[in-house]
Amino acid sequence: MDFESKIFSKEISDLLWEMEKTVGTAESCTGGRIAEALIAVPGASKYFKGGIISYVDEVKMNLLGVSQQVLEEQTAVCEDVARQMVIGACKSLKTDYAIAATGYAGPTGGSKDIPVGTIWLACGTLENQLTLKVCEDHGRDINLAIATNKALQMFLELLQSDPKPIVEG
């Protein structure tokens, strides 16, 4: 894991501890890299509940509740699937937040309409998800590293913008 991921993970850890919230992951192309980054910080078991590696559509549908119709009409590499993966992970893992990734890391798998290097990231809650499309091909390893870092950065920004509870005293 690179230095940037470690920084994001530590900041995420501090915020989740402070907020007393939980997170899980739903990963396709990143294959657990986001989860790995989250648990790199000691004490992660307080806020990280688990992850679902949904590499195939069958798992996306059966474990995460992703719509078969959306998969058939838009493919697994689309914003709607990334959002549904967040919702499904929050439900399945019973977490406050989830982070999801679905895409074509390469070197194969893309098409003219959705080329290799296209990765949809999402994070959020049952009610609200943020998304980001990564769409540059730098080779499989770099594509996955970029997607992992961008997912962590997006989630950190979400946590930083989440209103903190008012403590009266």
N, C-alpha and C. Protein backbone atom coordinates (compact mmCIF):
# COMPACT_ATOMS: atom_id res chain seq x y z
N MET A 1 0.85 -1.17 0.00
CA MET A 1 0.00 0.00 0.00
C MET A 1 0.90 1.24 0.00
N ASP A 2 0.51 2.23 -0.79
CA ASP A 2 1.34 3.41 -0.90
C ASP A 2 1.09 4.38 0.25
N PHE A 3 1.97 5.36 0.35
CA PHE A 3 1.95 6.33 1.45
C PHE A 3 0.63 7.11 1.49
N GLU A 4 0.13 7.51 0.32
CA GLU A 4 -1.11 8.28 0.27
C GLU A 4 -2.28 7.49 0.85
N SER A 5 -2.37 6.20 0.51
CA SER A 5 -3.43 5.36 1.05
C SER A 5 -3.34 5.27 2.57
N LYS A 6 -2.12 5.17 3.08
CA LYS A 6 -1.94 5.09 4.53
C LYS A 6 -2.42 6.37 5.23
N ILE A 7 -2.14 7.50 4.62
CA ILE A 7 -2.60 8.77 5.20
C ILE A 7 -4.12 8.83 5.21
N PHE A 8 -4.75 8.51 4.06
CA PHE A 8 -6.21 8.51 3.99
C PHE A 8 -6.80 7.56 5.02
N SER A 9 -6.23 6.36 5.12
CA SER A 9 -6.75 5.34 6.04
C SER A 9 -6.68 5.81 7.49
N LYS A 10 -5.59 6.45 7.86
CA LYS A 10 -5.44 6.94 9.23
C LYS A 10 -6.46 8.03 9.53
N GLU A 11 -6.65 8.95 8.57
CA GLU A 11 -7.64 10.02 8.78
C GLU A 11 -9.06 9.46 8.84
N ILE A 12 -9.35 8.48 8.00
CA ILE A 12 -10.67 7.81 8.04
C ILE A 12 -10.86 7.14 9.39
N SER A 13 -9.83 6.45 9.85
CA SER A 13 -9.89 5.76 11.15
C SER A 13 -10.21 6.74 12.27
N ASP A 14 -9.50 7.86 12.29
CA ASP A 14 -9.72 8.85 13.35
C ASP A 14 -11.16 9.36 13.34
N LEU A 15 -11.69 9.65 12.16
CA LEU A 15 -13.06 10.17 12.06
C LEU A 15 -14.11 9.12 12.45
N LEU A 16 -13.93 7.89 11.97
CA LEU A 16 -14.91 6.84 12.31
C LEU A 16 -14.90 6.55 13.81
N TRP A 17 -13.72 6.56 14.42
CA TRP A 17 -13.63 6.38 15.88
C TRP A 17 -14.40 7.50 16.58
N GLU A 18 -14.13 8.74 16.16
CA GLU A 18 -14.75 9.91 16.78
C GLU A 18 -16.27 9.90 16.61
N MET A 19 -16.72 9.51 15.42
CA MET A 19 -18.15 9.51 15.10
C MET A 19 -18.87 8.27 15.61
N GLU A 20 -18.10 7.24 15.98
CA GLU A 20 -18.65 5.95 16.39
C GLU A 20 -19.53 5.36 15.30
N LYS A 21 -19.02 5.37 14.07
CA LYS A 21 -19.72 4.84 12.90
C LYS A 21 -18.95 3.66 12.33
N THR A 22 -19.65 2.89 11.48
CA THR A 22 -19.03 1.71 10.88
C THR A 22 -19.03 1.80 9.36
N VAL A 23 -18.14 1.02 8.75
CA VAL A 23 -18.01 0.99 7.30
C VAL A 23 -17.76 -0.44 6.83
N GLY A 24 -18.16 -0.70 5.60
CA GLY A 24 -17.86 -1.97 4.93
C GLY A 24 -17.55 -1.66 3.48
N THR A 25 -17.15 -2.68 2.74
CA THR A 25 -16.82 -2.47 1.33
C THR A 25 -17.55 -3.47 0.45
N ALA A 26 -17.76 -3.05 -0.80
CA ALA A 26 -18.29 -3.92 -1.85
C ALA A 26 -17.39 -3.68 -3.05
N GLU A 27 -16.53 -4.64 -3.34
CA GLU A 27 -15.51 -4.42 -4.36
C GLU A 27 -15.59 -5.46 -5.47
N SER A 28 -15.47 -4.97 -6.67
CA SER A 28 -15.37 -5.85 -7.82
C SER A 28 -13.93 -5.81 -8.32
N CYS A 29 -13.61 -4.90 -9.21
CA CYS A 29 -12.28 -4.89 -9.83
C CYS A 29 -11.15 -4.67 -8.82
N THR A 30 -11.39 -3.96 -7.73
CA THR A 30 -10.32 -3.72 -6.75
C THR A 30 -10.05 -4.92 -5.86
N GLY A 31 -10.91 -5.90 -5.88
CA GLY A 31 -10.64 -7.19 -5.26
C GLY A 31 -10.25 -7.19 -3.80
N GLY A 32 -10.64 -6.21 -3.03
CA GLY A 32 -10.32 -6.18 -1.61
C GLY A 32 -9.26 -5.15 -1.24
N ARG A 33 -8.74 -4.45 -2.20
CA ARG A 33 -7.69 -3.47 -1.92
C ARG A 33 -8.19 -2.32 -1.02
N ILE A 34 -9.43 -1.90 -1.21
CA ILE A 34 -9.98 -0.83 -0.37
C ILE A 34 -10.10 -1.33 1.07
N ALA A 35 -10.63 -2.53 1.23
CA ALA A 35 -10.73 -3.13 2.57
C ALA A 35 -9.36 -3.27 3.20
N GLU A 36 -8.39 -3.71 2.42
CA GLU A 36 -7.02 -3.88 2.93
C GLU A 36 -6.48 -2.55 3.45
N ALA A 37 -6.73 -1.48 2.71
CA ALA A 37 -6.26 -0.16 3.14
C ALA A 37 -6.95 0.26 4.45
N LEU A 38 -8.25 0.00 4.56
CA LEU A 38 -8.97 0.39 5.77
C LEU A 38 -8.49 -0.36 7.01
N ILE A 39 -8.15 -1.63 6.86
CA ILE A 39 -7.74 -2.40 8.04
C ILE A 39 -6.24 -2.29 8.33
N ALA A 40 -5.51 -1.52 7.55
CA ALA A 40 -4.08 -1.33 7.79
C ALA A 40 -3.83 -0.54 9.07
N VAL A 41 -4.83 0.18 9.54
CA VAL A 41 -4.70 0.99 10.74
C VAL A 41 -5.08 0.15 11.96
N PRO A 42 -4.22 0.10 12.98
CA PRO A 42 -4.56 -0.65 14.19
C PRO A 42 -5.88 -0.17 14.79
N GLY A 43 -6.70 -1.11 15.24
CA GLY A 43 -7.97 -0.78 15.84
C GLY A 43 -9.13 -0.73 14.85
N ALA A 44 -8.87 -1.12 13.62
CA ALA A 44 -9.90 -1.05 12.58
C ALA A 44 -11.13 -1.91 12.90
N SER A 45 -10.97 -2.91 13.74
CA SER A 45 -12.11 -3.76 14.06
C SER A 45 -13.21 -3.00 14.80
N LYS A 46 -12.91 -1.83 15.31
CA LYS A 46 -13.93 -1.01 15.97
C LYS A 46 -14.92 -0.45 14.95
N TYR A 47 -14.48 -0.20 13.71
CA TYR A 47 -15.35 0.46 12.72
C TYR A 47 -15.49 -0.29 11.40
N PHE A 48 -14.58 -1.21 11.08
CA PHE A 48 -14.68 -1.94 9.82
C PHE A 48 -15.33 -3.29 10.06
N LYS A 49 -16.51 -3.51 9.44
CA LYS A 49 -17.26 -4.75 9.67
C LYS A 49 -16.92 -5.86 8.69
N GLY A 50 -16.52 -5.50 7.47
CA GLY A 50 -16.21 -6.54 6.49
C GLY A 50 -16.36 -6.03 5.08
N GLY A 51 -16.10 -6.93 4.15
CA GLY A 51 -16.20 -6.58 2.74
C GLY A 51 -16.74 -7.73 1.93
N ILE A 52 -17.35 -7.38 0.82
CA ILE A 52 -17.86 -8.37 -0.12
C ILE A 52 -17.13 -8.17 -1.44
N ILE A 53 -16.43 -9.22 -1.88
CA ILE A 53 -15.77 -9.18 -3.18
C ILE A 53 -16.78 -9.74 -4.17
N SER A 54 -17.34 -8.86 -4.98
CA SER A 54 -18.40 -9.25 -5.92
C SER A 54 -17.86 -9.16 -7.34
N TYR A 55 -16.98 -10.07 -7.66
CA TYR A 55 -16.27 -10.02 -8.94
C TYR A 55 -17.17 -10.36 -10.13
N VAL A 56 -18.24 -11.10 -9.88
CA VAL A 56 -19.15 -11.48 -10.97
C VAL A 56 -20.55 -10.95 -10.68
N ASP A 57 -21.33 -10.80 -11.74
CA ASP A 57 -22.68 -10.24 -11.62
C ASP A 57 -23.56 -11.04 -10.67
N GLU A 58 -23.42 -12.36 -10.68
CA GLU A 58 -24.23 -13.23 -9.82
C GLU A 58 -24.08 -12.83 -8.35
N VAL A 59 -22.87 -12.54 -7.93
CA VAL A 59 -22.62 -12.14 -6.54
C VAL A 59 -23.16 -10.73 -6.29
N LYS A 60 -23.00 -9.85 -7.27
CA LYS A 60 -23.56 -8.50 -7.13
C LYS A 60 -25.08 -8.58 -6.91
N MET A 61 -25.74 -9.44 -7.65
CA MET A 61 -27.20 -9.58 -7.50
C MET A 61 -27.56 -10.28 -6.20
N ASN A 62 -26.95 -11.43 -5.92
CA ASN A 62 -27.36 -12.26 -4.80
C ASN A 62 -26.96 -11.73 -3.43
N LEU A 63 -25.78 -11.14 -3.32
CA LEU A 63 -25.32 -10.67 -2.01
C LEU A 63 -25.52 -9.17 -1.80
N LEU A 64 -25.53 -8.41 -2.89
CA LEU A 64 -25.62 -6.96 -2.76
C LEU A 64 -26.95 -6.39 -3.26
N GLY A 65 -27.78 -7.23 -3.87
CA GLY A 65 -29.08 -6.78 -4.34
C GLY A 65 -29.04 -5.86 -5.55
N VAL A 66 -27.96 -5.94 -6.32
CA VAL A 66 -27.87 -5.13 -7.54
C VAL A 66 -28.91 -5.64 -8.54
N SER A 67 -29.59 -4.72 -9.19
CA SER A 67 -30.66 -5.04 -10.12
C SER A 67 -30.14 -5.76 -11.37
N GLN A 68 -30.74 -6.91 -11.67
CA GLN A 68 -30.39 -7.64 -12.87
C GLN A 68 -30.67 -6.80 -14.11
N GLN A 69 -31.75 -6.06 -14.07
CA GLN A 69 -32.12 -5.21 -15.21
C GLN A 69 -31.04 -4.15 -15.48
N VAL A 70 -30.54 -3.52 -14.42
CA VAL A 70 -29.48 -2.52 -14.58
C VAL A 70 -28.22 -3.17 -15.13
N LEU A 71 -27.88 -4.34 -14.63
CA LEU A 71 -26.69 -5.06 -15.12
C LEU A 71 -26.84 -5.39 -16.60
N GLU A 72 -28.03 -5.83 -17.01
CA GLU A 72 -28.25 -6.19 -18.41
C GLU A 72 -28.27 -4.96 -19.33
N GLU A 73 -28.87 -3.88 -18.86
CA GLU A 73 -29.03 -2.70 -19.70
C GLU A 73 -27.80 -1.78 -19.71
N GLN A 74 -27.08 -1.72 -18.58
CA GLN A 74 -25.97 -0.77 -18.48
C GLN A 74 -24.61 -1.43 -18.26
N THR A 75 -24.56 -2.70 -18.04
CA THR A 75 -23.37 -3.49 -17.65
C THR A 75 -23.05 -3.24 -16.18
N ALA A 76 -22.10 -3.99 -15.67
CA ALA A 76 -21.70 -3.84 -14.27
C ALA A 76 -20.85 -2.59 -14.05
N VAL A 77 -20.37 -2.01 -15.13
CA VAL A 77 -19.48 -0.84 -15.02
C VAL A 77 -20.29 0.42 -15.30
N CYS A 78 -21.04 0.84 -14.29
CA CYS A 78 -21.86 2.04 -14.43
C CYS A 78 -22.11 2.63 -13.04
N GLU A 79 -22.54 3.87 -13.05
CA GLU A 79 -22.79 4.59 -11.81
C GLU A 79 -23.89 3.93 -10.98
N ASP A 80 -24.97 3.49 -11.63
CA ASP A 80 -26.08 2.87 -10.89
C ASP A 80 -25.64 1.62 -10.14
N VAL A 81 -24.81 0.81 -10.76
CA VAL A 81 -24.33 -0.41 -10.08
C VAL A 81 -23.47 -0.03 -8.88
N ALA A 82 -22.59 0.95 -9.04
CA ALA A 82 -21.74 1.38 -7.92
C ALA A 82 -22.61 1.85 -6.74
N ARG A 83 -23.64 2.63 -7.04
CA ARG A 83 -24.56 3.10 -5.99
C ARG A 83 -25.27 1.92 -5.32
N GLN A 84 -25.78 1.00 -6.13
CA GLN A 84 -26.49 -0.16 -5.58
C GLN A 84 -25.56 -1.05 -4.75
N MET A 85 -24.30 -1.09 -5.11
CA MET A 85 -23.33 -1.86 -4.33
C MET A 85 -23.14 -1.24 -2.94
N VAL A 86 -23.12 0.08 -2.85
CA VAL A 86 -23.02 0.76 -1.55
C VAL A 86 -24.24 0.42 -0.70
N ILE A 87 -25.41 0.56 -1.28
CA ILE A 87 -26.65 0.27 -0.55
C ILE A 87 -26.67 -1.19 -0.09
N GLY A 88 -26.31 -2.09 -1.00
CA GLY A 88 -26.30 -3.51 -0.66
C GLY A 88 -25.31 -3.85 0.43
N ALA A 89 -24.15 -3.22 0.39
CA ALA A 89 -23.14 -3.48 1.44
C ALA A 89 -23.62 -2.95 2.78
N CYS A 90 -24.20 -1.76 2.79
CA CYS A 90 -24.73 -1.22 4.06
C CYS A 90 -25.78 -2.17 4.65
N LYS A 91 -26.66 -2.70 3.79
CA LYS A 91 -27.70 -3.61 4.26
C LYS A 91 -27.12 -4.95 4.71
N SER A 92 -26.30 -5.56 3.85
CA SER A 92 -25.75 -6.90 4.15
C SER A 92 -24.83 -6.90 5.36
N LEU A 93 -24.01 -5.87 5.46
CA LEU A 93 -23.01 -5.82 6.53
C LEU A 93 -23.49 -5.03 7.75
N LYS A 94 -24.69 -4.43 7.61
CA LYS A 94 -25.27 -3.63 8.70
C LYS A 94 -24.30 -2.54 9.16
N THR A 95 -23.87 -1.72 8.18
CA THR A 95 -22.93 -0.63 8.45
C THR A 95 -23.59 0.73 8.22
N ASP A 96 -22.99 1.74 8.79
CA ASP A 96 -23.45 3.11 8.55
C ASP A 96 -23.04 3.58 7.16
N TYR A 97 -21.85 3.18 6.71
CA TYR A 97 -21.29 3.59 5.43
C TYR A 97 -20.76 2.38 4.67
N ALA A 98 -20.62 2.56 3.36
CA ALA A 98 -19.94 1.56 2.53
C ALA A 98 -19.19 2.27 1.42
N ILE A 99 -18.19 1.59 0.91
CA ILE A 99 -17.40 2.06 -0.23
C ILE A 99 -17.46 0.95 -1.28
N ALA A 100 -17.66 1.33 -2.55
CA ALA A 100 -17.79 0.33 -3.62
C ALA A 100 -16.93 0.71 -4.82
N ALA A 101 -16.55 -0.32 -5.57
CA ALA A 101 -15.79 -0.13 -6.81
C ALA A 101 -16.20 -1.19 -7.82
N THR A 102 -16.42 -0.76 -9.07
CA THR A 102 -16.74 -1.68 -10.15
C THR A 102 -16.16 -1.12 -11.44
N GLY A 103 -15.46 -1.96 -12.18
CA GLY A 103 -14.86 -1.43 -13.40
C GLY A 103 -14.03 -2.44 -14.16
N TYR A 104 -13.34 -1.92 -15.17
CA TYR A 104 -12.43 -2.72 -16.00
C TYR A 104 -11.01 -2.25 -15.73
N ALA A 105 -10.30 -2.99 -14.90
CA ALA A 105 -8.93 -2.62 -14.55
C ALA A 105 -7.94 -2.97 -15.66
N GLY A 106 -8.29 -3.95 -16.48
CA GLY A 106 -7.42 -4.34 -17.59
C GLY A 106 -6.62 -5.59 -17.29
N PRO A 107 -5.86 -6.04 -18.22
CA PRO A 107 -5.64 -5.43 -19.53
C PRO A 107 -6.78 -5.69 -20.52
N THR A 108 -7.73 -6.58 -20.18
CA THR A 108 -8.85 -6.85 -21.08
C THR A 108 -10.15 -6.51 -20.38
N GLY A 109 -11.26 -6.72 -21.08
CA GLY A 109 -12.57 -6.57 -20.47
C GLY A 109 -13.34 -5.35 -20.91
N GLY A 110 -12.68 -4.39 -21.45
CA GLY A 110 -13.37 -3.18 -21.86
C GLY A 110 -14.05 -3.32 -23.22
N SER A 111 -14.70 -2.24 -23.63
CA SER A 111 -15.35 -2.18 -24.94
C SER A 111 -15.14 -0.77 -25.50
N LYS A 112 -15.65 -0.54 -26.69
CA LYS A 112 -15.54 0.79 -27.28
C LYS A 112 -16.25 1.82 -26.41
N ASP A 113 -17.41 1.46 -25.89
CA ASP A 113 -18.20 2.38 -25.06
C ASP A 113 -17.66 2.51 -23.63
N ILE A 114 -17.11 1.43 -23.11
CA ILE A 114 -16.57 1.43 -21.74
C ILE A 114 -15.16 0.83 -21.80
N PRO A 115 -14.16 1.67 -22.07
CA PRO A 115 -12.81 1.15 -22.26
C PRO A 115 -12.14 0.70 -20.96
N VAL A 116 -11.11 -0.11 -21.11
CA VAL A 116 -10.29 -0.51 -19.98
C VAL A 116 -9.81 0.76 -19.26
N GLY A 117 -9.81 0.71 -17.95
CA GLY A 117 -9.43 1.87 -17.15
C GLY A 117 -10.64 2.60 -16.60
N THR A 118 -11.85 2.23 -17.07
CA THR A 118 -13.08 2.84 -16.56
C THR A 118 -13.47 2.13 -15.27
N ILE A 119 -13.51 2.88 -14.20
CA ILE A 119 -13.87 2.34 -12.89
C ILE A 119 -14.81 3.32 -12.21
N TRP A 120 -15.96 2.82 -11.80
CA TRP A 120 -16.93 3.63 -11.05
C TRP A 120 -16.73 3.37 -9.56
N LEU A 121 -16.58 4.42 -8.80
CA LEU A 121 -16.42 4.35 -7.35
C LEU A 121 -17.64 5.00 -6.71
N ALA A 122 -18.03 4.50 -5.56
CA ALA A 122 -19.13 5.09 -4.82
C ALA A 122 -18.88 4.90 -3.33
N CYS A 123 -19.41 5.82 -2.56
CA CYS A 123 -19.38 5.67 -1.11
C CYS A 123 -20.59 6.38 -0.55
N GLY A 124 -20.97 6.02 0.65
CA GLY A 124 -22.10 6.69 1.26
C GLY A 124 -22.87 5.79 2.20
N THR A 125 -24.15 6.13 2.31
CA THR A 125 -25.07 5.47 3.23
C THR A 125 -26.22 4.86 2.43
N LEU A 126 -27.17 4.29 3.13
CA LEU A 126 -28.36 3.78 2.46
C LEU A 126 -29.09 4.88 1.70
N GLU A 127 -29.10 6.07 2.26
CA GLU A 127 -29.88 7.17 1.69
C GLU A 127 -29.12 8.04 0.70
N ASN A 128 -27.81 8.12 0.81
CA ASN A 128 -27.04 9.08 0.02
C ASN A 128 -25.70 8.49 -0.40
N GLN A 129 -25.44 8.52 -1.70
CA GLN A 129 -24.18 8.00 -2.21
C GLN A 129 -23.50 9.05 -3.09
N LEU A 130 -22.20 9.13 -2.95
CA LEU A 130 -21.37 9.94 -3.84
C LEU A 130 -20.73 8.99 -4.85
N THR A 131 -20.52 9.47 -6.07
CA THR A 131 -19.88 8.63 -7.08
C THR A 131 -18.76 9.39 -7.77
N LEU A 132 -17.86 8.63 -8.35
CA LEU A 132 -16.74 9.19 -9.10
C LEU A 132 -16.36 8.19 -10.18
N LYS A 133 -16.16 8.70 -11.39
CA LYS A 133 -15.74 7.85 -12.50
C LYS A 133 -14.26 8.10 -12.78
N VAL A 134 -13.49 7.03 -12.74
CA VAL A 134 -12.07 7.07 -13.10
C VAL A 134 -12.00 6.48 -14.51
N CYS A 135 -11.33 7.17 -15.42
CA CYS A 135 -11.38 6.66 -16.79
C CYS A 135 -10.09 6.87 -17.57
N GLU A 136 -8.99 6.51 -16.98
CA GLU A 136 -7.71 6.53 -17.68
C GLU A 136 -7.04 5.18 -17.50
N ASP A 137 -6.45 4.68 -18.56
CA ASP A 137 -5.79 3.38 -18.51
C ASP A 137 -4.28 3.57 -18.40
N HIS A 138 -3.75 3.19 -17.24
CA HIS A 138 -2.30 3.25 -16.99
C HIS A 138 -1.74 1.85 -16.75
N GLY A 139 -2.48 0.84 -17.14
CA GLY A 139 -2.09 -0.53 -16.84
C GLY A 139 -2.78 -0.99 -15.56
N ARG A 140 -3.01 -2.28 -15.47
CA ARG A 140 -3.82 -2.86 -14.38
C ARG A 140 -3.39 -2.42 -12.99
N ASP A 141 -2.13 -2.59 -12.64
CA ASP A 141 -1.69 -2.29 -11.28
C ASP A 141 -1.89 -0.83 -10.92
N ILE A 142 -1.54 0.06 -11.82
CA ILE A 142 -1.70 1.49 -11.55
C ILE A 142 -3.18 1.86 -11.53
N ASN A 143 -3.98 1.29 -12.44
CA ASN A 143 -5.43 1.55 -12.43
C ASN A 143 -6.04 1.19 -11.07
N LEU A 144 -5.64 0.05 -10.53
CA LEU A 144 -6.19 -0.39 -9.25
C LEU A 144 -5.70 0.48 -8.09
N ALA A 145 -4.45 0.90 -8.14
CA ALA A 145 -3.91 1.78 -7.10
C ALA A 145 -4.62 3.13 -7.13
N ILE A 146 -4.83 3.67 -8.32
CA ILE A 146 -5.53 4.95 -8.46
C ILE A 146 -6.96 4.82 -7.94
N ALA A 147 -7.65 3.76 -8.33
CA ALA A 147 -9.04 3.57 -7.89
C ALA A 147 -9.12 3.45 -6.37
N THR A 148 -8.21 2.72 -5.77
CA THR A 148 -8.21 2.57 -4.32
C THR A 148 -8.00 3.90 -3.63
N ASN A 149 -7.00 4.65 -4.08
CA ASN A 149 -6.72 5.96 -3.48
C ASN A 149 -7.89 6.92 -3.66
N LYS A 150 -8.47 6.96 -4.86
CA LYS A 150 -9.59 7.86 -5.13
C LYS A 150 -10.80 7.49 -4.27
N ALA A 151 -11.04 6.19 -4.09
CA ALA A 151 -12.15 5.75 -3.24
C ALA A 151 -11.95 6.18 -1.80
N LEU A 152 -10.74 6.01 -1.29
CA LEU A 152 -10.45 6.42 0.08
C LEU A 152 -10.57 7.93 0.23
N GLN A 153 -10.04 8.67 -0.73
CA GLN A 153 -10.10 10.13 -0.69
C GLN A 153 -11.56 10.61 -0.71
N MET A 154 -12.37 10.02 -1.58
CA MET A 154 -13.77 10.40 -1.68
C MET A 154 -14.50 10.11 -0.36
N PHE A 155 -14.22 8.95 0.23
CA PHE A 155 -14.87 8.59 1.49
C PHE A 155 -14.42 9.53 2.61
N LEU A 156 -13.14 9.86 2.65
CA LEU A 156 -12.64 10.79 3.66
C LEU A 156 -13.34 12.14 3.53
N GLU A 157 -13.48 12.63 2.31
CA GLU A 157 -14.17 13.91 2.09
C GLU A 157 -15.63 13.83 2.52
N LEU A 158 -16.27 12.69 2.29
CA LEU A 158 -17.65 12.51 2.75
C LEU A 158 -17.71 12.58 4.28
N LEU A 159 -16.81 11.88 4.95
CA LEU A 159 -16.80 11.91 6.41
C LEU A 159 -16.53 13.30 6.95
N GLN A 160 -15.63 14.02 6.31
CA GLN A 160 -15.29 15.37 6.75
C GLN A 160 -16.46 16.33 6.59
N SER A 161 -17.34 16.05 5.62
CA SER A 161 -18.48 16.93 5.39
C SER A 161 -19.71 16.52 6.18
N ASP A 162 -19.68 15.32 6.77
CA ASP A 162 -20.82 14.82 7.53
C ASP A 162 -20.99 15.66 8.80
N PRO A 163 -22.19 16.15 9.05
CA PRO A 163 -22.38 16.98 10.25
C PRO A 163 -22.09 16.17 11.52
N LYS A 164 -21.35 16.79 12.41
CA LYS A 164 -21.02 16.14 13.68
C LYS A 164 -22.18 16.35 14.66
N PRO A 165 -22.42 15.36 15.52
CA PRO A 165 -23.49 15.53 16.51
C PRO A 165 -23.14 16.66 17.50
N ILE A 166 -24.15 17.35 17.94
CA ILE A 166 -23.95 18.43 18.91
C ILE A 166 -23.92 17.80 20.30
N VAL A 167 -22.84 18.06 21.02
CA VAL A 167 -22.71 17.53 22.36
C VAL A 167 -23.03 18.65 23.35
N GLU A 168 -24.07 18.43 24.13
CA GLU A 168 -24.45 19.43 25.12
C GLU A 168 -23.81 19.07 26.45
N GLY A 169 -23.43 20.08 27.19
CA GLY A 169 -22.80 19.74 28.43
C GLY A 169 -22.57 20.86 29.26
